[in-house]
Amino acid sequence: MNIKGILFDFDGTLTVPGAINFLEIKASLGCPPEVPILEFIESLDNNEQQKAYSLLDRHEDRAARISFPAQDAEVVVRELKKKTYL
């Protein structure tokens, strides 16, 4: 088997949960609490989608800067890197 890539969820998989504040993101986007963020963004027109994705990127960048690795996440990533040539 030739693995070409591995995708991980950000909050709670590779990092300790809580760095990303979904309620804050929804409020800043004007997204109703019961609607998933990406579904909300996709419902917008193209111009508004671009603005919303840019805002989402800023929230995610901030969360990445303040996050901490989950227990053993670094070990797992190192092992995967050895085996998959990432």
Foldseek 3Di string as FASTA:
>chain_A
DADPDDDDDDAPTFWDHDLFDPVVLCVVLVHDPVDDLVVVLVVDPPVSSVVSVVSVVVRVVSSVVPTHTDVCSVVVVVVVCVVRVD
